[in-house]
Each structure stands twice: as C-alpha cells, then as structure tokens.
PDB file of N, CA and C in Angstrom:
ATOM      1  N   UNK A   1      -0.280  -3.714  12.110  1.00  0.00           N
ATOM      2  CA  UNK A   1      -0.829  -3.130  10.919  1.00  0.00           C
ATOM      3  C   UNK A   1      -0.017  -3.687   9.661  1.00  0.00           C
ATOM      4  N   UNK A   2      -0.664  -4.171   8.701  1.00  0.00           N
ATOM      5  CA  UNK A   2       0.038  -4.773   7.550  1.00  0.00           C
ATOM      6  C   UNK A   2       0.711  -3.691   6.744  1.00  0.00           C
ATOM      7  N   UNK A   3       1.853  -3.977   6.292  1.00  0.00           N
ATOM      8  CA  UNK A   3       2.613  -3.111   5.326  1.00  0.00           C
ATOM      9  C   UNK A   3       2.418  -3.711   3.918  1.00  0.00           C
ATOM     10  N   UNK A   4       1.887  -2.936   3.049  1.00  0.00           N
ATOM     11  CA  UNK A   4       1.586  -3.356   1.668  1.00  0.00           C
ATOM     12  C   UNK A   4       2.597  -2.668   0.749  1.00  0.00           C
ATOM     13  N   UNK A   5       3.288  -3.532  -0.104  1.00  0.00           N
ATOM     14  CA  UNK A   5       4.355  -2.987  -0.916  1.00  0.00           C
ATOM     15  C   UNK A   5       4.243  -3.399  -2.375  1.00  0.00           C
ATOM     16  N   UNK A   6       3.269  -4.284  -2.752  1.00  0.00           N
ATOM     17  CA  UNK A   6       3.078  -4.730  -4.122  1.00  0.00           C
ATOM     18  C   UNK A   6       1.596  -4.914  -4.379  1.00  0.00           C
ATOM     19  N   UNK A   7       1.205  -4.815  -5.678  1.00  0.00           N
ATOM     20  CA  UNK A   7      -0.201  -4.921  -6.009  1.00  0.00           C
ATOM     21  C   UNK A   7      -0.862  -6.206  -5.603  1.00  0.00           C
ATOM     22  N   UNK A   8      -0.163  -7.317  -5.648  1.00  0.00           N
ATOM     23  CA  UNK A   8      -0.763  -8.595  -5.247  1.00  0.00           C
ATOM     24  C   UNK A   8      -1.223  -8.523  -3.822  1.00  0.00           C
ATOM     25  N   UNK A   9      -0.519  -7.902  -2.924  1.00  0.00           N
ATOM     26  CA  UNK A   9      -0.952  -7.769  -1.625  1.00  0.00           C
ATOM     27  C   UNK A   9      -2.270  -6.952  -1.356  1.00  0.00           C
ATOM     28  N   UNK A  10      -2.356  -5.908  -2.181  1.00  0.00           N
ATOM     29  CA  UNK A  10      -3.520  -5.048  -2.115  1.00  0.00           C
ATOM     30  C   UNK A  10      -4.739  -5.950  -2.616  1.00  0.00           C
ATOM     31  N   UNK A  11      -4.536  -6.639  -3.705  1.00  0.00           N
ATOM     32  CA  UNK A  11      -5.627  -7.421  -4.334  1.00  0.00           C
ATOM     33  C   UNK A  11      -6.041  -8.529  -3.326  1.00  0.00           C
ATOM     34  N   UNK A  12      -5.138  -9.134  -2.648  1.00  0.00           N
ATOM     35  CA  UNK A  12      -5.451 -10.157  -1.655  1.00  0.00           C
ATOM     36  C   UNK A  12      -6.250  -9.676  -0.511  1.00  0.00           C
ATOM     37  N   UNK A  13      -5.813  -8.504  -0.018  1.00  0.00           N
ATOM     38  CA  UNK A  13      -6.532  -7.846   1.047  1.00  0.00           C
ATOM     39  C   UNK A  13      -7.980  -7.447   0.598  1.00  0.00           C
ATOM     40  N   UNK A  14      -8.056  -6.927  -0.609  1.00  0.00           N
ATOM     41  CA  UNK A  14      -9.375  -6.542  -1.115  1.00  0.00           C
ATOM     42  C   UNK A  14     -10.330  -7.700  -1.265  1.00  0.00           C
ATOM     43  N   UNK A  15      -9.762  -8.920  -1.549  1.00  0.00           N
ATOM     44  CA  UNK A  15     -10.720 -10.081  -1.708  1.00  0.00           C
ATOM     45  C   UNK A  15     -10.992 -10.791  -0.305  1.00  0.00           C
ATOM     46  N   UNK A  16     -10.147 -10.569   0.652  1.00  0.00           N
ATOM     47  CA  UNK A  16     -10.274 -11.223   1.909  1.00  0.00           C
ATOM     48  C   UNK A  16     -11.149 -10.442   2.911  1.00  0.00           C
ATOM     49  N   UNK A  17     -11.056  -9.161   2.856  1.00  0.00           N
ATOM     50  CA  UNK A  17     -11.703  -8.305   3.874  1.00  0.00           C
ATOM     51  C   UNK A  17     -13.155  -8.099   3.430  1.00  0.00           C
ATOM     52  N   UNK A  18     -14.081  -8.542   4.311  1.00  0.00           N
ATOM     53  CA  UNK A  18     -15.510  -8.410   3.947  1.00  0.00           C
ATOM     54  C   UNK A  18     -15.904  -6.853   3.977  1.00  0.00           C
ATOM     55  N   UNK A  19     -16.831  -6.533   3.204  1.00  0.00           N
ATOM     56  CA  UNK A  19     -17.310  -5.116   3.136  1.00  0.00           C
ATOM     57  C   UNK A  19     -17.656  -4.542   4.490  1.00  0.00           C
ATOM     58  N   UNK A  20     -18.114  -5.363   5.412  1.00  0.00           N
ATOM     59  CA  UNK A  20     -18.483  -4.742   6.765  1.00  0.00           C
ATOM     60  C   UNK A  20     -17.321  -4.632   7.664  1.00  0.00           C
ATOM     61  N   UNK A  21     -16.097  -5.190   7.343  1.00  0.00           N
ATOM     62  CA  UNK A  21     -14.931  -5.112   8.153  1.00  0.00           C
ATOM     63  C   UNK A  21     -14.113  -3.922   7.719  1.00  0.00           C
ATOM     64  N   UNK A  22     -13.273  -3.466   8.645  1.00  0.00           N
ATOM     65  CA  UNK A  22     -12.331  -2.396   8.372  1.00  0.00           C
ATOM     66  C   UNK A  22     -10.942  -2.922   8.743  1.00  0.00           C
ATOM     67  N   UNK A  23      -9.994  -2.576   7.894  1.00  0.00           N
ATOM     68  CA  UNK A  23      -8.586  -2.833   8.121  1.00  0.00           C
ATOM     69  C   UNK A  23      -7.736  -1.634   7.791  1.00  0.00           C
ATOM     70  N   UNK A  24      -6.784  -1.337   8.617  1.00  0.00           N
ATOM     71  CA  UNK A  24      -5.837  -0.288   8.355  1.00  0.00           C
ATOM     72  C   UNK A  24      -4.570  -0.870   7.815  1.00  0.00           C
ATOM     73  N   UNK A  25      -4.025  -0.080   6.857  1.00  0.00           N
ATOM     74  CA  UNK A  25      -2.750  -0.576   6.223  1.00  0.00           C
ATOM     75  C   UNK A  25      -1.758   0.581   6.125  1.00  0.00           C
ATOM     76  N   UNK A  26      -0.523   0.159   6.016  1.00  0.00           N
ATOM     77  CA  UNK A  26       0.556   1.148   5.684  1.00  0.00           C
ATOM     78  C   UNK A  26       0.983   0.824   4.229  1.00  0.00           C
ATOM     79  N   UNK A  27       1.248   1.773   3.483  1.00  0.00           N
ATOM     80  CA  UNK A  27       1.594   1.618   2.041  1.00  0.00           C
ATOM     81  C   UNK A  27       3.073   2.015   1.942  1.00  0.00           C
ATOM     82  N   UNK A  28       3.914   1.112   1.401  1.00  0.00           N
ATOM     83  CA  UNK A  28       5.309   1.399   1.248  1.00  0.00           C
ATOM     84  C   UNK A  28       5.645   1.774  -0.167  1.00  0.00           C
ATOM     85  N   UNK A  29       6.476   2.876  -0.304  1.00  0.00           N
ATOM     86  CA  UNK A  29       6.900   3.270  -1.622  1.00  0.00           C
ATOM     87  C   UNK A  29       8.416   3.079  -1.724  1.00  0.00           C
ATOM     88  N   UNK A  30       8.877   2.752  -2.937  1.00  0.00           N
ATOM     89  CA  UNK A  30      10.322   2.661  -3.210  1.00  0.00           C
ATOM     90  C   UNK A  30      10.822   4.040  -3.560  1.00  0.00           C
ATOM     91  N   UNK A  31      11.826   4.520  -2.861  1.00  0.00           N
ATOM     92  CA  UNK A  31      12.333   5.855  -3.151  1.00  0.00           C
ATOM     93  C   UNK A  31      13.788   5.822  -3.616  1.00  0.00           C
ATOM     94  N   UNK A  32      14.267   4.611  -4.133  1.00  0.00           N
ATOM     95  CA  UNK A  32      15.532   4.615  -4.771  1.00  0.00           C
ATOM     96  C   UNK A  32      16.413   3.381  -4.574  1.00  0.00           C
ATOM     97  N   UNK A  33      16.173   2.553  -3.578  1.00  0.00           N
ATOM     98  CA  UNK A  33      16.977   1.365  -3.444  1.00  0.00           C
ATOM     99  C   UNK A  33      16.518   0.222  -4.268  1.00  0.00           C
ATOM    100  N   UNK A  34      15.297   0.309  -4.825  1.00  0.00           N
ATOM    101  CA  UNK A  34      14.730  -0.767  -5.683  1.00  0.00           C
ATOM    102  C   UNK A  34      14.634  -2.092  -4.977  1.00  0.00           C
ATOM    103  N   UNK A  35      14.213  -2.031  -3.755  1.00  0.00           N
ATOM    104  CA  UNK A  35      14.119  -3.270  -3.004  1.00  0.00           C
ATOM    105  C   UNK A  35      12.649  -3.632  -2.757  1.00  0.00           C
ATOM    106  N   UNK A  36      11.995  -2.864  -2.046  1.00  0.00           N
ATOM    107  CA  UNK A  36      10.530  -3.131  -1.758  1.00  0.00           C
ATOM    108  C   UNK A  36       9.790  -1.817  -1.942  1.00  0.00           C
ATOM    109  N   UNK A  37       8.546  -1.978  -2.350  1.00  0.00           N
ATOM    110  CA  UNK A  37       7.657  -0.791  -2.370  1.00  0.00           C
ATOM    111  C   UNK A  37       7.141  -0.516  -3.783  1.00  0.00           C
ATOM    112  N   UNK A  38       6.031   0.298  -3.794  1.00  0.00           N
ATOM    113  CA  UNK A  38       5.447   0.653  -5.041  1.00  0.00           C
ATOM    114  C   UNK A  38       6.270   1.765  -5.600  1.00  0.00           C
ATOM    115  N   UNK A  39       6.416   1.849  -6.915  1.00  0.00           N
ATOM    116  CA  UNK A  39       7.022   3.073  -7.480  1.00  0.00           C
ATOM    117  C   UNK A  39       6.106   4.311  -7.205  1.00  0.00           C
ATOM    118  N   UNK A  40       6.755   5.397  -7.040  1.00  0.00           N
ATOM    119  CA  UNK A  40       6.074   6.682  -6.810  1.00  0.00           C
ATOM    120  C   UNK A  40       5.083   6.929  -7.903  1.00  0.00           C
ATOM    121  N   UNK A  41       5.370   6.498  -9.088  1.00  0.00           N
ATOM    122  CA  UNK A  41       4.460   6.745 -10.246  1.00  0.00           C
ATOM    123  C   UNK A  41       3.112   6.071 -10.102  1.00  0.00           C
ATOM    124  N   UNK A  42       3.048   5.071  -9.132  1.00  0.00           N
ATOM    125  CA  UNK A  42       1.764   4.345  -8.876  1.00  0.00           C
ATOM    126  C   UNK A  42       0.900   4.973  -7.861  1.00  0.00           C
ATOM    127  N   UNK A  43       1.297   6.094  -7.243  1.00  0.00           N
ATOM    128  CA  UNK A  43       0.618   6.671  -6.121  1.00  0.00           C
ATOM    129  C   UNK A  43      -0.831   7.001  -6.441  1.00  0.00           C
ATOM    130  N   UNK A  44      -1.054   7.666  -7.586  1.00  0.00           N
ATOM    131  CA  UNK A  44      -2.504   8.016  -7.862  1.00  0.00           C
ATOM    132  C   UNK A  44      -3.337   6.821  -8.088  1.00  0.00           C
ATOM    133  N   UNK A  45      -2.798   5.787  -8.707  1.00  0.00           N
ATOM    134  CA  UNK A  45      -3.515   4.525  -8.934  1.00  0.00           C
ATOM    135  C   UNK A  45      -3.825   3.859  -7.602  1.00  0.00           C
ATOM    136  N   UNK A  46      -2.831   3.879  -6.671  1.00  0.00           N
ATOM    137  CA  UNK A  46      -3.090   3.224  -5.379  1.00  0.00           C
ATOM    138  C   UNK A  46      -4.152   4.008  -4.558  1.00  0.00           C
ATOM    139  N   UNK A  47      -4.096   5.301  -4.547  1.00  0.00           N
ATOM    140  CA  UNK A  47      -5.095   6.055  -3.832  1.00  0.00           C
ATOM    141  C   UNK A  47      -6.523   5.926  -4.528  1.00  0.00           C
ATOM    142  N   UNK A  48      -6.584   5.810  -5.824  1.00  0.00           N
ATOM    143  CA  UNK A  48      -7.812   5.547  -6.452  1.00  0.00           C
ATOM    144  C   UNK A  48      -8.407   4.175  -6.058  1.00  0.00           C
ATOM    145  N   UNK A  49      -7.442   3.174  -5.967  1.00  0.00           N
ATOM    146  CA  UNK A  49      -7.895   1.804  -5.579  1.00  0.00           C
ATOM    147  C   UNK A  49      -8.390   1.860  -4.147  1.00  0.00           C
ATOM    148  N   UNK A  50      -7.833   2.633  -3.247  1.00  0.00           N
ATOM    149  CA  UNK A  50      -8.287   2.733  -1.887  1.00  0.00           C
ATOM    150  C   UNK A  50      -9.566   3.425  -1.837  1.00  0.00           C
ATOM    151  N   UNK A  51      -9.839   4.386  -2.650  1.00  0.00           N
ATOM    152  CA  UNK A  51     -11.161   5.100  -2.683  1.00  0.00           C
ATOM    153  C   UNK A  51     -12.226   4.044  -3.032  1.00  0.00           C
ATOM    154  N   UNK A  52     -11.977   3.112  -3.868  1.00  0.00           N
ATOM    155  CA  UNK A  52     -12.938   2.074  -4.318  1.00  0.00           C
ATOM    156  C   UNK A  52     -13.120   1.031  -3.248  1.00  0.00           C
ATOM    157  N   UNK A  53     -12.117   0.871  -2.385  1.00  0.00           N
ATOM    158  CA  UNK A  53     -12.157  -0.213  -1.331  1.00  0.00           C
ATOM    159  C   UNK A  53     -12.142   0.518   0.042  1.00  0.00           C
ATOM    160  N   UNK A  54     -13.319   1.053   0.342  1.00  0.00           N
ATOM    161  CA  UNK A  54     -13.442   1.901   1.506  1.00  0.00           C
ATOM    162  C   UNK A  54     -13.228   1.136   2.834  1.00  0.00           C
ATOM    163  N   UNK A  55     -13.306  -0.140   2.778  1.00  0.00           N
ATOM    164  CA  UNK A  55     -13.114  -0.936   4.052  1.00  0.00           C
ATOM    165  C   UNK A  55     -11.607  -1.078   4.374  1.00  0.00           C
ATOM    166  N   UNK A  56     -10.757  -0.717   3.385  1.00  0.00           N
ATOM    167  CA  UNK A  56      -9.342  -0.739   3.679  1.00  0.00           C
ATOM    168  C   UNK A  56      -8.838   0.715   3.786  1.00  0.00           C
ATOM    169  N   UNK A  57      -8.401   1.069   4.983  1.00  0.00           N
ATOM    170  CA  UNK A  57      -8.069   2.457   5.318  1.00  0.00           C
ATOM    171  C   UNK A  57      -6.543   2.604   5.324  1.00  0.00           C
ATOM    172  N   UNK A  58      -6.107   3.670   4.686  1.00  0.00           N
ATOM    173  CA  UNK A  58      -4.665   4.019   4.774  1.00  0.00           C
ATOM    174  C   UNK A  58      -4.353   4.686   6.052  1.00  0.00           C
ATOM    175  N   UNK A  59      -3.523   3.989   6.777  1.00  0.00           N
ATOM    176  CA  UNK A  59      -3.109   4.617   8.168  1.00  0.00           C
ATOM    177  C   UNK A  59      -1.833   5.360   7.985  1.00  0.00           C
ATOM    178  N   UNK A  60      -0.864   4.908   7.168  1.00  0.00           N
ATOM    179  CA  UNK A  60       0.433   5.612   6.982  1.00  0.00           C
ATOM    180  C   UNK A  60       1.018   5.255   5.708  1.00  0.00           C
ATOM    181  N   UNK A  61       1.873   6.141   5.293  1.00  0.00           N
ATOM    182  CA  UNK A  61       2.788   5.893   4.071  1.00  0.00           C
ATOM    183  C   UNK A  61       4.152   5.820   4.618  1.00  0.00           C
ATOM    184  N   UNK A  62       4.937   4.896   4.113  1.00  0.00           N
ATOM    185  CA  UNK A  62       6.295   4.720   4.548  1.00  0.00           C
ATOM    186  C   UNK A  62       7.238   4.496   3.388  1.00  0.00           C
ATOM    187  N   UNK A  63       8.544   4.601   3.667  1.00  0.00           N
ATOM    188  CA  UNK A  63       9.574   4.362   2.712  1.00  0.00           C
ATOM    189  C   UNK A  63      10.813   3.896   3.347  1.00  0.00           C
ATOM    190  N   UNK A  64      11.890   3.898   2.735  1.00  0.00           N
ATOM    191  CA  UNK A  64      13.205   3.591   3.299  1.00  0.00           C
ATOM    192  C   UNK A  64      14.193   4.670   2.832  1.00  0.00           C
ATOM    193  N   UNK A  65      15.305   4.698   3.371  1.00  0.00           N
ATOM    194  CA  UNK A  65      16.342   5.681   2.910  1.00  0.00           C
ATOM    195  C   UNK A  65      16.707   5.375   1.436  1.00  0.00           C
ATOM    196  N   UNK A  66      16.983   6.362   0.683  1.00  0.00           N
ATOM    197  CA  UNK A  66      17.212   6.180  -0.716  1.00  0.00           C
ATOM    198  C   UNK A  66      18.601   5.586  -0.969  1.00  0.00           C
ATOM    199  N   UNK A  67      19.515   5.544  -0.014  1.00  0.00           N
ATOM    200  CA  UNK A  67      20.842   4.972  -0.157  1.00  0.00           C
ATOM    201  C   UNK A  67      21.163   4.212   1.162  1.00  0.00           C
ATOM    202  N   UNK A  68      21.845   3.105   0.993  1.00  0.00           N
ATOM    203  CA  UNK A  68      22.173   2.238   2.087  1.00  0.00           C
ATOM    204  C   UNK A  68      23.546   2.451   2.653  1.00  0.00           C
ATOM    205  N   UNK A  69      24.089   3.634   2.650  1.00  0.00           N
ATOM    206  CA  UNK A  69      25.404   3.895   3.122  1.00  0.00           C
ATOM    207  C   UNK A  69      25.479   4.274   4.533  1.00  0.00           C
TER     208      UNK A  69
END
C-alpha cells in the first residue's frame, strides 16, 4: 500500500490511476518532527481531494512519534 506524504504524490496518483481502477493509500501526517507528512492543517483539504477522486481510497492514516528521544 503506498504511503502518501506530500501533495505531489497525491497528484501523480490521481493522474495515473484510471477511473475504473481502485487503489488504496495510507496518508501520513506530520505531528511534530517536521520530517515527512502533511501538516494537520491540510487534513480537510486532503479528505476533500479524496472525495473528488473516488478511485483512490483511504485505507489508513499514519504518523510518527512527535519526538525522537
């Protein structure tokens, strides 16, 4: 299952996956380490994007620990 963590990845998937195909993705959010993932503030925009691209299904949401200690 692809893990999507930036807008470019979503846009590429949206253009590659034909309307008749289905693909499941995991969406990664950044919760504090500022390494990988969408900012939490983009969550509504991401879910709206997924509503418009029904052939791309959200299978899971993931993150990382907020501190690396």
